[in-house]
Amino acid sequence: MRIANPGAFRINVQEALVGGVSDPRNESLIKMFNLINVGERAGSGLPSIRTVWQKQGWQEPEIVESFNPDRTTLLLPLAANKAAAKSGDKKVAAKSGGKSSSISEKRKNDILQYLTDTPEASSTQIADAIGLQVSRTKMYLSELVSDGAVVAEESSRARKYRLKS
């Protein structure tokens, strides 16, 4: 799949891949999505896409910027990751991802332990408690929510996390 948008990327691509920074080009479009409860303006879109692609064992999504005219393209390959294709197992691809895209067991346990001791907390509170940047903590929380270990409540600004009961 190929999703293209006129204009250059407005933040550093690496920051966008980690998440936590939101800089929408079209505020009206964001408001429209918020009215139908789609999108959060939390800067979590690209990390979420990468997590899904990784779990499916597909090749890593790629962001391509071209200039004159400025255009940003997100390439979402539906082909199997080479590690998964060789083994025939999609889970191998998810486990073999780079350390920047996979959650470390220690950090995952730190978050879960904090939420055990503190029944409900924001991403900022969790980040401060375990000594991580908020953007990295949000990425880990997103994966924990996807795994079903943690529940996110409220909208993006007032979002609180708790252990799933």
N, C-alpha and C. Protein backbone atom coordinates (compact mmCIF):
# COMPACT_ATOMS: atom_id res chain seq x y z
N MET A 1 0.85 -1.17 0.00
CA MET A 1 0.00 0.00 0.00
C MET A 1 0.89 1.23 0.00
N ARG A 2 0.41 2.28 -0.61
CA ARG A 2 1.17 3.52 -0.70
C ARG A 2 0.22 4.66 -0.33
N ILE A 3 0.62 5.45 0.68
CA ILE A 3 -0.17 6.62 1.09
C ILE A 3 0.73 7.82 0.90
N ALA A 4 0.30 8.76 0.04
CA ALA A 4 1.13 9.93 -0.27
C ALA A 4 0.40 11.20 0.13
N ASN A 5 1.19 12.19 0.52
CA ASN A 5 0.66 13.46 0.95
C ASN A 5 1.54 14.57 0.38
N PRO A 6 0.93 15.62 -0.19
CA PRO A 6 1.76 16.73 -0.66
C PRO A 6 2.43 17.41 0.52
N GLY A 7 3.65 17.86 0.32
CA GLY A 7 4.38 18.57 1.37
C GLY A 7 5.40 17.68 2.03
N ALA A 8 6.36 18.32 2.68
CA ALA A 8 7.42 17.60 3.39
C ALA A 8 6.92 17.19 4.76
N PHE A 9 7.61 16.25 5.37
CA PHE A 9 7.30 15.81 6.73
C PHE A 9 7.59 16.98 7.66
N ARG A 10 6.71 17.26 8.62
CA ARG A 10 6.85 18.46 9.44
C ARG A 10 7.66 18.24 10.71
N ILE A 11 7.96 17.01 11.04
CA ILE A 11 8.83 16.72 12.18
C ILE A 11 9.90 15.74 11.71
N ASN A 12 10.90 15.55 12.52
CA ASN A 12 11.95 14.59 12.20
C ASN A 12 11.33 13.21 12.05
N VAL A 13 11.66 12.50 11.00
CA VAL A 13 11.08 11.19 10.72
C VAL A 13 11.33 10.22 11.87
N GLN A 14 12.53 10.24 12.44
CA GLN A 14 12.82 9.33 13.56
C GLN A 14 11.94 9.63 14.77
N GLU A 15 11.67 10.93 15.03
CA GLU A 15 10.76 11.29 16.12
C GLU A 15 9.36 10.74 15.85
N ALA A 16 8.92 10.84 14.62
CA ALA A 16 7.59 10.35 14.25
C ALA A 16 7.49 8.85 14.44
N LEU A 17 8.56 8.12 14.13
CA LEU A 17 8.55 6.68 14.26
C LEU A 17 8.52 6.24 15.73
N VAL A 18 9.12 7.03 16.62
CA VAL A 18 9.10 6.72 18.05
C VAL A 18 7.74 7.10 18.64
N GLY A 19 7.17 8.23 18.18
CA GLY A 19 5.86 8.65 18.64
C GLY A 19 5.93 9.70 19.72
N GLY A 20 4.76 10.21 20.09
CA GLY A 20 4.66 11.20 21.15
C GLY A 20 4.63 12.63 20.66
N VAL A 21 4.87 12.88 19.37
CA VAL A 21 4.86 14.23 18.82
C VAL A 21 3.78 14.30 17.75
N SER A 22 2.85 15.23 17.91
CA SER A 22 1.78 15.39 16.94
C SER A 22 1.87 16.78 16.32
N ASP A 23 1.96 16.85 15.01
CA ASP A 23 2.02 18.12 14.29
C ASP A 23 1.18 18.00 13.02
N PRO A 24 -0.14 17.99 13.17
CA PRO A 24 -0.99 17.78 12.00
C PRO A 24 -0.96 18.97 11.04
N ARG A 25 -1.01 18.66 9.78
CA ARG A 25 -1.00 19.68 8.73
C ARG A 25 -2.39 20.32 8.61
N ASN A 26 -3.44 19.52 8.82
CA ASN A 26 -4.80 19.99 8.60
C ASN A 26 -5.60 19.88 9.90
N GLU A 27 -5.68 20.97 10.65
CA GLU A 27 -6.38 20.99 11.94
C GLU A 27 -7.86 20.64 11.79
N SER A 28 -8.49 21.08 10.70
CA SER A 28 -9.92 20.80 10.48
C SER A 28 -10.16 19.30 10.33
N LEU A 29 -9.28 18.64 9.62
CA LEU A 29 -9.40 17.21 9.43
C LEU A 29 -9.24 16.48 10.78
N ILE A 30 -8.32 16.92 11.59
CA ILE A 30 -8.12 16.33 12.92
C ILE A 30 -9.37 16.52 13.76
N LYS A 31 -9.95 17.70 13.75
CA LYS A 31 -11.18 17.95 14.51
C LYS A 31 -12.30 17.04 14.04
N MET A 32 -12.41 16.86 12.73
CA MET A 32 -13.44 15.98 12.18
C MET A 32 -13.25 14.55 12.68
N PHE A 33 -12.03 14.05 12.64
CA PHE A 33 -11.76 12.71 13.13
C PHE A 33 -12.06 12.59 14.62
N ASN A 34 -11.70 13.63 15.40
CA ASN A 34 -11.97 13.60 16.83
C ASN A 34 -13.47 13.54 17.11
N LEU A 35 -14.28 14.21 16.30
CA LEU A 35 -15.73 14.19 16.49
C LEU A 35 -16.33 12.80 16.32
N ILE A 36 -15.69 11.97 15.52
CA ILE A 36 -16.20 10.60 15.33
C ILE A 36 -15.34 9.59 16.09
N ASN A 37 -14.57 10.11 17.05
CA ASN A 37 -13.73 9.27 17.92
C ASN A 37 -12.71 8.42 17.17
N VAL A 38 -12.13 9.00 16.14
CA VAL A 38 -11.05 8.35 15.40
C VAL A 38 -9.84 9.27 15.48
N GLY A 39 -8.74 8.76 15.97
CA GLY A 39 -7.55 9.57 16.11
C GLY A 39 -7.52 10.21 17.48
N GLU A 40 -6.30 10.45 17.94
CA GLU A 40 -6.14 10.94 19.30
C GLU A 40 -5.25 12.16 19.41
N ARG A 41 -4.55 12.48 18.35
CA ARG A 41 -3.56 13.56 18.37
C ARG A 41 -2.53 13.35 19.46
N ALA A 42 -2.11 12.09 19.56
CA ALA A 42 -1.12 11.73 20.57
C ALA A 42 0.22 11.42 19.94
N GLY A 43 0.30 11.49 18.60
CA GLY A 43 1.56 11.16 17.93
C GLY A 43 1.85 9.68 17.97
N SER A 44 0.79 8.87 18.02
CA SER A 44 0.99 7.42 18.14
C SER A 44 0.68 6.65 16.86
N GLY A 45 0.33 7.34 15.79
CA GLY A 45 -0.07 6.67 14.55
C GLY A 45 1.01 5.81 13.93
N LEU A 46 2.18 6.38 13.68
CA LEU A 46 3.24 5.59 13.03
C LEU A 46 3.76 4.47 13.92
N PRO A 47 3.97 4.69 15.24
CA PRO A 47 4.38 3.56 16.07
C PRO A 47 3.33 2.44 16.08
N SER A 48 2.06 2.81 16.06
CA SER A 48 1.00 1.79 16.03
C SER A 48 1.03 1.00 14.72
N ILE A 49 1.23 1.70 13.62
CA ILE A 49 1.32 1.03 12.32
C ILE A 49 2.50 0.07 12.31
N ARG A 50 3.65 0.53 12.81
CA ARG A 50 4.85 -0.33 12.84
C ARG A 50 4.61 -1.57 13.70
N THR A 51 3.94 -1.40 14.83
CA THR A 51 3.66 -2.53 15.72
C THR A 51 2.78 -3.56 15.02
N VAL A 52 1.74 -3.09 14.33
CA VAL A 52 0.85 -4.01 13.60
C VAL A 52 1.61 -4.74 12.51
N TRP A 53 2.41 -4.01 11.75
CA TRP A 53 3.18 -4.62 10.65
C TRP A 53 4.15 -5.67 11.21
N GLN A 54 4.77 -5.33 12.32
CA GLN A 54 5.72 -6.26 12.94
C GLN A 54 5.01 -7.52 13.42
N LYS A 55 3.87 -7.36 14.08
CA LYS A 55 3.12 -8.51 14.59
C LYS A 55 2.62 -9.41 13.46
N GLN A 56 2.32 -8.81 12.31
CA GLN A 56 1.85 -9.59 11.17
C GLN A 56 3.00 -10.27 10.42
N GLY A 57 4.22 -9.88 10.75
CA GLY A 57 5.37 -10.47 10.08
C GLY A 57 5.63 -9.87 8.72
N TRP A 58 5.10 -8.66 8.49
CA TRP A 58 5.29 -8.00 7.21
C TRP A 58 6.56 -7.16 7.23
N GLN A 59 7.04 -6.80 6.05
CA GLN A 59 8.23 -5.95 5.94
C GLN A 59 7.97 -4.61 6.61
N GLU A 60 9.03 -4.01 7.12
CA GLU A 60 8.96 -2.74 7.84
C GLU A 60 8.38 -1.63 6.95
N PRO A 61 7.41 -0.84 7.45
CA PRO A 61 6.92 0.32 6.69
C PRO A 61 8.06 1.29 6.44
N GLU A 62 7.94 2.06 5.36
CA GLU A 62 9.01 2.97 4.97
C GLU A 62 8.43 4.35 4.67
N ILE A 63 9.09 5.39 5.12
CA ILE A 63 8.68 6.76 4.82
C ILE A 63 9.67 7.31 3.81
N VAL A 64 9.13 7.81 2.70
CA VAL A 64 9.96 8.37 1.63
C VAL A 64 9.58 9.83 1.43
N GLU A 65 10.58 10.70 1.53
CA GLU A 65 10.35 12.12 1.28
C GLU A 65 10.96 12.47 -0.07
N SER A 66 10.20 13.15 -0.91
CA SER A 66 10.74 13.63 -2.18
C SER A 66 10.52 15.15 -2.24
N PHE A 67 11.34 15.81 -3.04
CA PHE A 67 11.32 17.26 -3.08
C PHE A 67 11.20 17.74 -4.52
N ASN A 68 10.63 18.92 -4.69
CA ASN A 68 10.40 19.55 -5.99
C ASN A 68 9.56 18.70 -6.92
N PRO A 69 8.31 18.52 -6.67
CA PRO A 69 7.52 19.07 -5.56
C PRO A 69 7.68 18.22 -4.30
N ASP A 70 7.46 18.88 -3.15
CA ASP A 70 7.55 18.19 -1.87
C ASP A 70 6.41 17.18 -1.75
N ARG A 71 6.76 15.97 -1.33
CA ARG A 71 5.78 14.91 -1.17
C ARG A 71 6.31 13.92 -0.15
N THR A 72 5.44 13.47 0.75
CA THR A 72 5.78 12.46 1.73
C THR A 72 4.95 11.23 1.42
N THR A 73 5.60 10.08 1.35
CA THR A 73 4.92 8.84 1.02
C THR A 73 5.21 7.80 2.10
N LEU A 74 4.16 7.14 2.56
CA LEU A 74 4.29 6.04 3.50
C LEU A 74 4.04 4.76 2.71
N LEU A 75 5.06 3.91 2.65
CA LEU A 75 4.96 2.63 1.95
C LEU A 75 4.69 1.54 2.98
N LEU A 76 3.60 0.80 2.78
CA LEU A 76 3.21 -0.26 3.71
C LEU A 76 3.20 -1.59 2.96
N PRO A 77 4.35 -2.28 2.93
CA PRO A 77 4.42 -3.53 2.19
C PRO A 77 3.60 -4.62 2.89
N LEU A 78 2.91 -5.41 2.10
CA LEU A 78 2.12 -6.52 2.63
C LEU A 78 2.83 -7.85 2.45
N ALA A 79 4.09 -7.77 2.05
CA ALA A 79 4.91 -8.97 1.86
C ALA A 79 5.51 -9.39 3.19
N ALA A 80 5.76 -10.68 3.33
CA ALA A 80 6.33 -11.22 4.57
C ALA A 80 7.74 -10.70 4.78
N ASN A 81 8.09 -10.47 6.02
CA ASN A 81 9.44 -10.11 6.42
C ASN A 81 10.34 -11.27 6.04
N LYS A 82 11.58 -11.03 5.66
CA LYS A 82 12.49 -12.10 5.21
C LYS A 82 12.68 -13.17 6.27
N ALA A 83 12.80 -12.77 7.55
CA ALA A 83 12.99 -13.76 8.62
C ALA A 83 11.75 -14.64 8.75
N ALA A 84 10.56 -14.04 8.60
CA ALA A 84 9.32 -14.82 8.70
C ALA A 84 9.15 -15.70 7.47
N ALA A 85 9.51 -15.17 6.30
CA ALA A 85 9.37 -15.96 5.08
C ALA A 85 10.26 -17.19 5.10
N LYS A 86 11.49 -17.05 5.62
CA LYS A 86 12.40 -18.19 5.68
C LYS A 86 11.92 -19.27 6.63
N SER A 87 11.35 -18.84 7.77
CA SER A 87 10.93 -19.82 8.77
C SER A 87 9.48 -20.25 8.58
N GLY A 88 8.72 -19.46 7.83
CA GLY A 88 7.31 -19.76 7.66
C GLY A 88 6.50 -19.39 8.90
N ASP A 89 7.06 -18.62 9.80
CA ASP A 89 6.38 -18.28 11.05
C ASP A 89 6.36 -16.77 11.22
N LYS A 90 5.15 -16.18 11.26
CA LYS A 90 5.03 -14.74 11.40
C LYS A 90 5.58 -14.24 12.72
N LYS A 91 5.49 -15.02 13.78
CA LYS A 91 5.94 -14.57 15.09
C LYS A 91 7.45 -14.34 15.13
N VAL A 92 8.19 -15.02 14.32
CA VAL A 92 9.64 -14.83 14.27
C VAL A 92 9.96 -13.40 13.86
N ALA A 93 9.21 -12.86 12.91
CA ALA A 93 9.47 -11.50 12.44
C ALA A 93 9.24 -10.50 13.57
N ALA A 94 8.20 -10.69 14.34
CA ALA A 94 7.92 -9.76 15.43
C ALA A 94 9.02 -9.82 16.48
N LYS A 95 9.55 -11.00 16.74
CA LYS A 95 10.59 -11.14 17.76
C LYS A 95 11.95 -10.66 17.26
N SER A 96 12.16 -10.65 15.95
CA SER A 96 13.48 -10.30 15.43
C SER A 96 13.61 -8.81 15.10
N GLY A 97 12.60 -8.00 15.44
CA GLY A 97 12.67 -6.57 15.15
C GLY A 97 13.81 -5.91 15.89
N GLY A 98 14.22 -4.73 15.41
CA GLY A 98 15.30 -4.00 16.08
C GLY A 98 14.90 -3.57 17.47
N LYS A 99 15.90 -3.28 18.32
CA LYS A 99 15.56 -2.95 19.69
C LYS A 99 14.81 -1.63 19.80
N SER A 100 14.90 -0.75 18.81
CA SER A 100 14.15 0.50 18.87
C SER A 100 12.66 0.27 18.62
N SER A 101 12.29 -0.84 17.98
CA SER A 101 10.88 -1.08 17.67
C SER A 101 10.27 -2.15 18.56
N SER A 102 11.02 -2.86 19.35
CA SER A 102 10.44 -3.88 20.22
C SER A 102 10.59 -3.47 21.67
N ILE A 103 9.60 -3.80 22.45
CA ILE A 103 9.61 -3.40 23.86
C ILE A 103 10.54 -4.31 24.64
N SER A 104 11.34 -3.73 25.50
CA SER A 104 12.24 -4.57 26.30
C SER A 104 11.45 -5.15 27.46
N GLU A 105 11.76 -6.37 27.82
CA GLU A 105 11.04 -7.04 28.91
C GLU A 105 11.21 -6.27 30.22
N LYS A 106 12.38 -5.70 30.44
CA LYS A 106 12.59 -4.96 31.69
C LYS A 106 11.67 -3.76 31.77
N ARG A 107 11.59 -2.98 30.70
CA ARG A 107 10.74 -1.79 30.70
C ARG A 107 9.27 -2.17 30.80
N LYS A 108 8.90 -3.24 30.14
CA LYS A 108 7.52 -3.73 30.20
C LYS A 108 7.19 -4.10 31.65
N ASN A 109 8.09 -4.79 32.30
CA ASN A 109 7.86 -5.16 33.70
C ASN A 109 7.85 -3.94 34.61
N ASP A 110 8.70 -2.94 34.31
CA ASP A 110 8.71 -1.70 35.10
C ASP A 110 7.34 -1.02 35.04
N ILE A 111 6.78 -0.93 33.84
CA ILE A 111 5.46 -0.29 33.67
C ILE A 111 4.39 -1.08 34.39
N LEU A 112 4.40 -2.40 34.21
CA LEU A 112 3.40 -3.24 34.86
C LEU A 112 3.53 -3.17 36.38
N GLN A 113 4.75 -3.14 36.90
CA GLN A 113 4.95 -3.04 38.35
C GLN A 113 4.43 -1.70 38.86
N TYR A 114 4.73 -0.62 38.13
CA TYR A 114 4.25 0.69 38.55
C TYR A 114 2.72 0.72 38.60
N LEU A 115 2.08 0.15 37.58
CA LEU A 115 0.61 0.13 37.54
C LEU A 115 0.03 -0.82 38.58
N THR A 116 0.81 -1.77 39.05
CA THR A 116 0.37 -2.63 40.15
C THR A 116 0.34 -1.82 41.44
N ASP A 117 1.37 -1.00 41.64
CA ASP A 117 1.47 -0.18 42.85
C ASP A 117 0.59 1.07 42.80
N THR A 118 0.38 1.59 41.59
CA THR A 118 -0.43 2.79 41.38
C THR A 118 -1.57 2.41 40.44
N PRO A 119 -2.79 2.27 40.96
CA PRO A 119 -3.90 1.73 40.16
C PRO A 119 -4.20 2.45 38.85
N GLU A 120 -3.91 3.77 38.78
CA GLU A 120 -4.21 4.53 37.57
C GLU A 120 -3.19 5.65 37.44
N ALA A 121 -2.64 5.84 36.22
CA ALA A 121 -1.62 6.87 36.04
C ALA A 121 -1.58 7.34 34.59
N SER A 122 -1.10 8.56 34.40
CA SER A 122 -0.90 9.10 33.05
C SER A 122 0.44 8.62 32.51
N SER A 123 0.65 8.78 31.23
CA SER A 123 1.92 8.38 30.62
C SER A 123 3.07 9.21 31.21
N THR A 124 2.82 10.48 31.52
CA THR A 124 3.85 11.33 32.10
C THR A 124 4.24 10.84 33.49
N GLN A 125 3.25 10.46 34.29
CA GLN A 125 3.54 9.94 35.64
C GLN A 125 4.35 8.65 35.55
N ILE A 126 3.96 7.78 34.63
CA ILE A 126 4.67 6.51 34.46
C ILE A 126 6.10 6.77 33.99
N ALA A 127 6.25 7.65 33.00
CA ALA A 127 7.58 7.97 32.47
C ALA A 127 8.49 8.51 33.57
N ASP A 128 7.97 9.44 34.38
CA ASP A 128 8.77 10.00 35.47
C ASP A 128 9.17 8.92 36.47
N ALA A 129 8.24 8.03 36.78
CA ALA A 129 8.50 7.00 37.79
C ALA A 129 9.54 5.98 37.35
N ILE A 130 9.54 5.63 36.06
CA ILE A 130 10.46 4.59 35.60
C ILE A 130 11.68 5.14 34.87
N GLY A 131 11.74 6.47 34.72
CA GLY A 131 12.92 7.10 34.16
C GLY A 131 13.05 7.01 32.65
N LEU A 132 11.92 7.11 31.95
CA LEU A 132 11.94 7.11 30.48
C LEU A 132 11.38 8.42 29.95
N GLN A 133 11.65 8.70 28.68
CA GLN A 133 11.00 9.83 28.03
C GLN A 133 9.53 9.50 27.82
N VAL A 134 8.69 10.51 27.83
CA VAL A 134 7.25 10.30 27.68
C VAL A 134 6.94 9.64 26.33
N SER A 135 7.62 10.07 25.27
CA SER A 135 7.34 9.49 23.95
C SER A 135 7.65 7.99 23.92
N ARG A 136 8.74 7.59 24.54
CA ARG A 136 9.11 6.17 24.58
C ARG A 136 8.11 5.40 25.45
N THR A 137 7.71 6.00 26.56
CA THR A 137 6.74 5.37 27.45
C THR A 137 5.41 5.17 26.73
N LYS A 138 4.99 6.16 25.95
CA LYS A 138 3.73 6.04 25.19
C LYS A 138 3.82 4.89 24.18
N MET A 139 4.98 4.73 23.57
CA MET A 139 5.16 3.63 22.62
C MET A 139 5.00 2.29 23.35
N TYR A 140 5.63 2.16 24.51
CA TYR A 140 5.53 0.92 25.28
C TYR A 140 4.11 0.70 25.76
N LEU A 141 3.45 1.76 26.23
CA LEU A 141 2.06 1.63 26.68
C LEU A 141 1.14 1.22 25.54
N SER A 142 1.39 1.75 24.35
CA SER A 142 0.59 1.38 23.19
C SER A 142 0.70 -0.13 22.91
N GLU A 143 1.91 -0.64 23.03
CA GLU A 143 2.10 -2.07 22.81
C GLU A 143 1.45 -2.89 23.92
N LEU A 144 1.54 -2.42 25.16
CA LEU A 144 0.91 -3.14 26.27
C LEU A 144 -0.62 -3.13 26.13
N VAL A 145 -1.16 -2.03 25.61
CA VAL A 145 -2.61 -1.96 25.36
C VAL A 145 -2.97 -2.95 24.26
N SER A 146 -2.17 -2.99 23.19
CA SER A 146 -2.41 -3.94 22.09
C SER A 146 -2.33 -5.38 22.56
N ASP A 147 -1.42 -5.65 23.51
CA ASP A 147 -1.27 -7.00 24.05
C ASP A 147 -2.38 -7.36 25.02
N GLY A 148 -3.16 -6.37 25.45
CA GLY A 148 -4.27 -6.63 26.37
C GLY A 148 -3.88 -6.64 27.83
N ALA A 149 -2.66 -6.22 28.18
CA ALA A 149 -2.23 -6.21 29.58
C ALA A 149 -2.65 -4.93 30.29
N VAL A 150 -2.79 -3.84 29.52
CA VAL A 150 -3.10 -2.53 30.08
C VAL A 150 -4.32 -1.96 29.34
N VAL A 151 -5.10 -1.16 30.07
CA VAL A 151 -6.28 -0.51 29.50
C VAL A 151 -6.05 1.00 29.52
N ALA A 152 -6.38 1.66 28.41
CA ALA A 152 -6.29 3.12 28.32
C ALA A 152 -7.70 3.68 28.44
N GLU A 153 -7.85 4.70 29.29
CA GLU A 153 -9.16 5.31 29.49
C GLU A 153 -9.07 6.81 29.26
N GLU A 154 -10.16 7.41 28.85
CA GLU A 154 -10.29 8.85 28.59
C GLU A 154 -9.69 9.22 27.23
N SER A 155 -9.81 10.51 26.87
CA SER A 155 -9.27 10.99 25.60
C SER A 155 -7.78 11.25 25.73
N SER A 156 -7.15 11.65 24.63
CA SER A 156 -5.69 11.72 24.58
C SER A 156 -5.06 12.60 25.66
N ARG A 157 -5.58 13.77 25.93
CA ARG A 157 -4.95 14.67 26.91
C ARG A 157 -5.17 14.19 28.35
N ALA A 158 -6.33 13.57 28.61
CA ALA A 158 -6.66 13.13 29.97
C ALA A 158 -6.47 11.63 30.13
N ARG A 159 -5.77 11.01 29.19
CA ARG A 159 -5.64 9.55 29.17
C ARG A 159 -4.96 9.03 30.42
N LYS A 160 -5.57 7.99 30.97
CA LYS A 160 -5.02 7.29 32.14
C LYS A 160 -4.88 5.83 31.77
N TYR A 161 -3.91 5.18 32.37
CA TYR A 161 -3.66 3.77 32.11
C TYR A 161 -3.83 2.99 33.40
N ARG A 162 -4.32 1.76 33.27
CA ARG A 162 -4.46 0.87 34.41
C ARG A 162 -4.28 -0.55 33.92
N LEU A 163 -3.99 -1.45 34.86
CA LEU A 163 -3.90 -2.86 34.50
C LEU A 163 -5.28 -3.38 34.12
N LYS A 164 -5.32 -4.28 33.16
CA LYS A 164 -6.59 -4.88 32.78
C LYS A 164 -7.01 -5.81 33.92
N SER A 165 -8.29 -5.69 34.33
CA SER A 165 -8.74 -6.54 35.44
C SER A 165 -9.16 -7.92 35.00
